[in-house]
Every structure is written in C-alpha cells, then in structure tokens.
Protein backbone atom coordinates (compact mmCIF):
# COMPACT_ATOMS: atom_id res chain seq x y z
CA MET A 1 -35.63 -15.10 22.95
CA ASN A 2 -33.73 -17.16 20.37
CA ARG A 3 -31.06 -19.41 21.82
CA PRO A 4 -27.47 -18.54 20.83
CA PRO A 5 -25.54 -21.03 18.69
CA ASN A 6 -23.61 -23.63 20.65
CA PHE A 7 -19.90 -23.44 19.82
CA ASN A 8 -18.80 -25.70 22.69
CA ARG A 9 -18.03 -28.68 20.49
CA LEU A 10 -15.67 -26.52 18.41
CA GLY A 11 -13.64 -25.25 21.36
CA GLY A 12 -10.59 -27.41 20.71
CA LEU A 13 -10.96 -27.54 16.92
CA TYR A 14 -11.69 -23.94 16.02
CA ARG A 15 -8.14 -22.91 15.14
CA TRP A 16 -7.48 -26.01 13.05
CA LEU A 17 -10.79 -25.75 11.18
CA GLU A 18 -9.96 -22.13 10.43
CA MET A 19 -6.48 -22.96 9.15
CA ALA A 20 -7.76 -25.86 7.05
CA SER A 21 -10.38 -23.70 5.36
CA PHE A 22 -8.79 -20.24 5.06
CA GLY A 23 -5.15 -20.64 6.08
CA PRO A 24 -3.78 -17.50 7.76
CA TRP A 25 -6.21 -15.08 6.10
CA LEU A 26 -8.71 -14.80 8.97
CA TRP A 27 -5.88 -14.13 11.41
CA TRP A 28 -4.37 -11.45 9.16
CA CYS A 29 -7.83 -9.93 8.89
CA ARG A 30 -8.18 -9.75 12.69
CA CYS A 31 -4.78 -8.12 13.16
CA ALA A 32 -4.93 -5.63 10.28
CA PHE A 33 -5.38 -2.61 12.57
CA LEU A 34 -3.71 -3.89 15.73
CA ALA A 35 -1.16 -1.05 15.56
CA ASP A 36 -4.02 1.48 15.90
CA LEU A 37 -5.05 0.14 19.32
CA GLY A 38 -2.02 1.15 21.40
CA ALA A 39 -3.83 3.96 23.24
CA CYS A 40 -6.85 1.85 24.24
CA ARG A 41 -7.27 1.19 27.94
CA ARG A 42 -10.61 -0.63 28.33
CA ALA A 43 -11.81 -3.04 25.68
CA LEU A 44 -14.97 -5.05 25.15
CA ILE A 45 -14.42 -8.14 23.01
CA LEU A 46 -17.48 -10.03 21.79
CA GLY A 47 -17.28 -13.62 20.62
CA ASP A 48 -13.50 -13.94 20.20
CA GLY A 49 -13.78 -17.70 19.80
CA ASP A 50 -10.74 -19.46 21.26
CA GLY A 51 -9.21 -16.18 22.46
CA ARG A 52 -6.24 -15.83 20.14
CA PHE A 53 -6.91 -12.17 19.41
CA THR A 54 -7.57 -11.38 23.08
CA ALA A 55 -4.19 -12.86 23.99
CA ARG A 56 -2.49 -11.01 21.13
CA LEU A 57 -4.00 -7.66 22.15
CA LEU A 58 -2.91 -8.19 25.76
CA ARG A 59 0.67 -8.79 24.61
CA ALA A 60 0.66 -5.82 22.24
CA ASN A 61 -0.91 -3.37 24.69
CA PRO A 62 0.32 -3.77 28.30
CA ASN A 63 -2.16 -1.18 29.57
CA VAL A 64 -5.43 -2.51 28.19
CA HIS A 65 -8.03 -4.24 30.38
CA ILE A 66 -10.55 -6.48 28.65
CA ASP A 67 -14.10 -7.67 29.20
CA ALA A 68 -14.63 -10.76 27.02
CA VAL A 69 -18.21 -11.88 26.39
CA ASP A 70 -19.10 -15.25 24.87
CA ALA A 71 -22.05 -17.62 25.09
CA SER A 72 -19.75 -20.68 24.86
CA LEU A 73 -18.13 -21.94 28.05
CA ALA A 74 -15.60 -23.99 26.06
CA MET A 75 -14.51 -20.93 24.09
CA LEU A 76 -14.16 -18.83 27.25
CA GLN A 77 -12.10 -21.57 28.87
CA SER A 78 -9.81 -21.60 25.82
CA LEU A 79 -9.58 -17.82 25.97
CA GLY A 80 -8.69 -18.01 29.65
CA ARG A 81 -5.83 -20.43 28.95
CA ARG A 82 -4.41 -18.29 26.17
CA ALA A 83 -4.69 -15.10 28.23
CA ALA A 84 -3.40 -16.72 31.44
CA PRO A 85 -0.13 -14.70 31.55
CA HIS A 86 -2.27 -11.54 31.71
CA ALA A 87 -5.18 -12.92 33.73
CA GLY A 88 -5.32 -9.83 35.94
CA ARG A 89 -6.36 -7.73 32.94
CA VAL A 90 -9.17 -9.96 31.67
CA ARG A 91 -12.71 -10.52 32.91
CA THR A 92 -14.80 -13.17 31.17
CA HIS A 93 -18.58 -13.12 30.96
CA LEU A 94 -20.54 -16.25 30.00
CA ALA A 95 -23.50 -14.58 28.32
CA ASP A 96 -25.36 -14.04 25.08
CA ALA A 97 -23.92 -10.74 23.83
CA ARG A 98 -27.28 -9.85 22.26
CA TYR A 99 -28.68 -9.34 25.75
CA TRP A 100 -25.63 -8.73 27.95
CA GLN A 101 -25.72 -5.33 29.62
CA PRO A 102 -22.45 -3.42 30.10
CA ASP A 103 -22.01 -1.24 33.15
CA ALA A 104 -22.97 2.21 31.90
CA THR A 105 -23.27 3.93 35.29
CA PRO A 106 -21.44 7.28 35.73
CA ALA A 107 -18.86 5.57 37.96
CA ALA A 108 -17.95 2.97 35.33
CA GLN A 109 -14.93 3.58 33.12
CA PRO A 110 -16.21 3.68 29.53
CA TYR A 111 -14.96 1.33 26.86
CA ASP A 112 -12.65 2.93 24.33
CA LEU A 113 -12.54 -0.20 22.16
CA VAL A 114 -15.08 -2.76 20.98
CA VAL A 115 -13.89 -5.79 19.01
CA THR A 116 -16.15 -8.00 16.90
CA HIS A 117 -14.13 -10.46 14.83
CA PHE A 118 -16.36 -12.76 12.77
CA PHE A 119 -19.11 -12.29 15.34
CA LEU A 120 -21.61 -9.93 13.73
CA ASP A 121 -22.26 -12.54 11.03
CA CYS A 122 -24.00 -14.61 13.72
CA LEU A 123 -26.59 -11.83 14.06
CA THR A 124 -29.33 -10.34 11.94
CA THR A 125 -29.19 -6.69 10.89
CA PRO A 126 -31.78 -5.66 13.53
CA GLU A 127 -29.74 -7.50 16.18
CA VAL A 128 -26.56 -5.64 15.17
CA GLN A 129 -28.50 -2.36 15.34
CA ALA A 130 -29.81 -3.21 18.81
CA LEU A 131 -26.34 -4.28 19.96
CA ALA A 132 -24.73 -1.02 18.82
CA ALA A 133 -27.49 1.07 20.38
CA ARG A 134 -27.24 -0.76 23.71
CA PHE A 135 -23.45 -0.42 23.95
CA HIS A 136 -23.29 3.19 22.81
CA PRO A 137 -23.89 4.68 26.31
CA ALA A 138 -20.97 2.62 27.64
CA LEU A 139 -18.46 3.95 25.06
CA SER A 140 -16.02 6.82 25.45
CA PRO A 141 -16.42 9.78 23.07
CA ASP A 142 -13.39 8.65 21.04
CA ALA A 143 -14.06 4.91 21.15
CA LEU A 144 -12.93 2.61 18.35
CA TRP A 145 -14.89 -0.36 17.02
CA LEU A 146 -12.89 -3.05 15.23
CA VAL A 147 -14.70 -5.34 12.80
CA SER A 148 -13.61 -8.39 10.82
CA GLU A 149 -16.22 -10.00 8.59
CA PHE A 150 -17.03 -11.99 5.53
CA ALA A 151 -18.47 -10.06 2.62
CA VAL A 152 -19.96 -10.65 -0.82
CA PRO A 153 -18.39 -8.12 -3.22
CA PRO A 154 -20.18 -7.02 -6.38
CA GLY A 155 -19.44 -8.59 -9.73
CA TRP A 156 -18.81 -12.09 -10.99
CA TYR A 157 -16.45 -13.02 -8.14
CA GLY A 158 -19.06 -12.18 -5.54
CA HIS A 159 -21.78 -14.05 -7.40
CA LEU A 160 -19.80 -17.14 -8.38
CA VAL A 161 -17.27 -17.48 -5.55
CA ALA A 162 -17.94 -15.39 -2.44
CA ARG A 163 -21.69 -15.98 -2.18
CA PRO A 164 -21.42 -19.81 -2.44
CA VAL A 165 -18.58 -19.78 0.12
CA VAL A 166 -20.63 -17.71 2.58
CA CYS A 167 -23.72 -19.86 2.03
CA GLY A 168 -21.63 -22.99 2.62
CA LEU A 169 -20.25 -21.58 5.86
CA TYR A 170 -23.73 -20.77 7.13
CA LEU A 171 -24.92 -24.29 6.32
CA ALA A 172 -21.90 -25.84 8.04
CA PHE A 173 -22.18 -23.72 11.19
CA GLY A 174 -25.93 -24.22 11.24
CA TRP A 175 -25.33 -27.97 11.37
CA LEU A 176 -22.44 -27.82 13.84
CA THR A 177 -23.74 -25.16 16.24
CA GLY A 178 -27.44 -24.64 15.60
CA LEU A 179 -26.89 -21.16 14.16
CA THR A 180 -30.17 -20.07 12.57
CA VAL A 181 -28.90 -16.97 10.73
CA ARG A 182 -28.46 -17.65 7.01
CA ALA A 183 -27.35 -14.30 5.55
CA LEU A 184 -24.74 -11.66 6.34
CA PRO A 185 -26.17 -8.66 8.20
CA ASP A 186 -25.73 -5.15 6.91
CA HIS A 187 -23.42 -4.28 9.78
CA SER A 188 -22.19 -1.09 8.09
CA SER A 189 -25.60 0.55 8.09
CA ALA A 190 -26.19 -0.59 11.68
CA LEU A 191 -22.94 0.90 12.97
CA ASP A 192 -23.45 4.05 10.93
CA ALA A 193 -26.94 4.46 12.42
CA SER A 194 -25.43 4.25 15.92
CA GLY A 195 -23.22 7.26 15.19
CA LEU A 196 -19.98 5.47 14.34
CA ILE A 197 -17.85 6.52 11.38
CA LEU A 198 -15.87 4.15 9.17
CA ARG A 199 -12.24 5.33 9.21
CA LYS A 200 -10.20 2.51 7.74
CA SER A 201 -11.02 -0.53 5.66
CA ARG A 202 -9.01 -3.29 4.07
CA THR A 203 -10.17 -6.24 1.99
CA TRP A 204 -8.71 -9.69 1.62
CA LEU A 205 -9.21 -12.55 -0.83
CA ALA A 206 -10.64 -10.23 -3.50
CA GLY A 207 -13.25 -8.86 -1.10
CA LEU A 208 -14.40 -12.07 0.60
CA LEU A 209 -12.94 -10.77 3.88
CA VAL A 210 -13.00 -7.22 5.20
CA SER A 211 -11.22 -5.53 8.11
CA GLU A 212 -12.73 -2.26 9.35
CA LEU A 213 -11.89 0.33 11.97
CA TRP A 214 -14.78 2.56 13.04
CA SER A 215 -14.60 5.52 15.40
CA ALA A 216 -17.07 7.46 17.48
CA THR A 217 -15.60 10.86 16.50
CA PRO A 218 -14.61 12.49 13.20
CA SER A 219 -10.92 11.88 13.86
CA ILE A 220 -9.38 8.79 15.44
CA ARG A 221 -6.36 8.75 17.72
CA PRO A 222 -2.93 8.97 16.09
C-alpha cells in the first residue's frame, strides 16, 4: 500500500499558495456548477483541502449533510473550523480515500453527490477506476459527481504552456508532500467505465482547468 501524500505542512498556507499561483481561477472552477447541487441531500467530499468548498456548499444548501474524507489531519482541522457554523451536518473521516469504505448497507442513505476538486490528480488512472467502482454501490440512482481538475489541452498551448505548468506542479507537490504521481490520470475514462455520464463541462485558462458535472442517469435533476 503506497502512503498518501502528506499535506499537513500546507494546512495554513494552502489558500495563499493557491491565490499566489492561480488567483481566483481554482475557486471559480470549484463553484462552476454549485447552482446544480440544490437538491442534493447527502454528499461525499474527497480531499477538499482546507474546506472552503465544503463550507460554501453548506451555506448554499441548508439541507445537505456531508461526509468529508481526507488523509491530512491539518486539512480536516481547517475544514472543521470553516464548517463550524454547520457542524451538525458534517462528519469528517481521517483516512486515505483510496481505501476508505463508505457504508453501502441497505439501511444506509445513499450519496447523491460526490465531490472531487483537484483530488483525482493525486491518483493514477487505475486508482481512479478503483475508487469509482468502490463508491458506486453507495450512490443513489441519480447521483451527481462534481470534478475540478487540471488538464493539458491539444495544440501548441497544451504543449508549450499547460504541460510545463502541470509538470511543475507535480514536482512542487512531490517535494512538499511526497506525492509520487507525476502525470494526470485519465479520469474521464475511469468515470465513464463506472457508468457515469458527463453532462456539463466548462474550461478555464484556455483549457488548463476543467469543471465537470457527471451524473449516474441519462438526465440530471433540474
């Protein structure tokens, strides 16, 4: 079992490092489809970092209950502080999401939302495939899966700009956290293989960033 990267040292710096490198773009990417999540009632959020999106979702949707999974205690503590006004609707799990097992018993309420913002890029393609397959039994028939990720678009921009940026980020996070992954996974093929359908997509910074909304059924909620 490979050890997860250690993001503890970034707990108090994550937001400022993000703003210094990409300004507001990563935040806009996370919130691109927030308006589509109003009907969700039970959400699973994997690797939300310092918890800003968790806190934002709790404010936007007063009926959602969230399970937040992260391998970093410092990040979960930051998430807990940000979500403190809605603490009764959040459960945190200190665990490696690659191996964490959701409650998929018949008595358990299924998740109707999974959120992975800049998390799948810490995994390999086989790990994303295994993650999606393991969580599938715990999802409702009309579940949504929200993705924010880096991408390398085709053409000169992807070759000369996006790819060097992504490679630089992997080198930096490898040094800071011990992350061993060095290439973006093919998360689209992994989610597609699990039975999910891409419904909405939006790109940012000429394709360097992508926001995606997947669904488990041919038509998503209005």
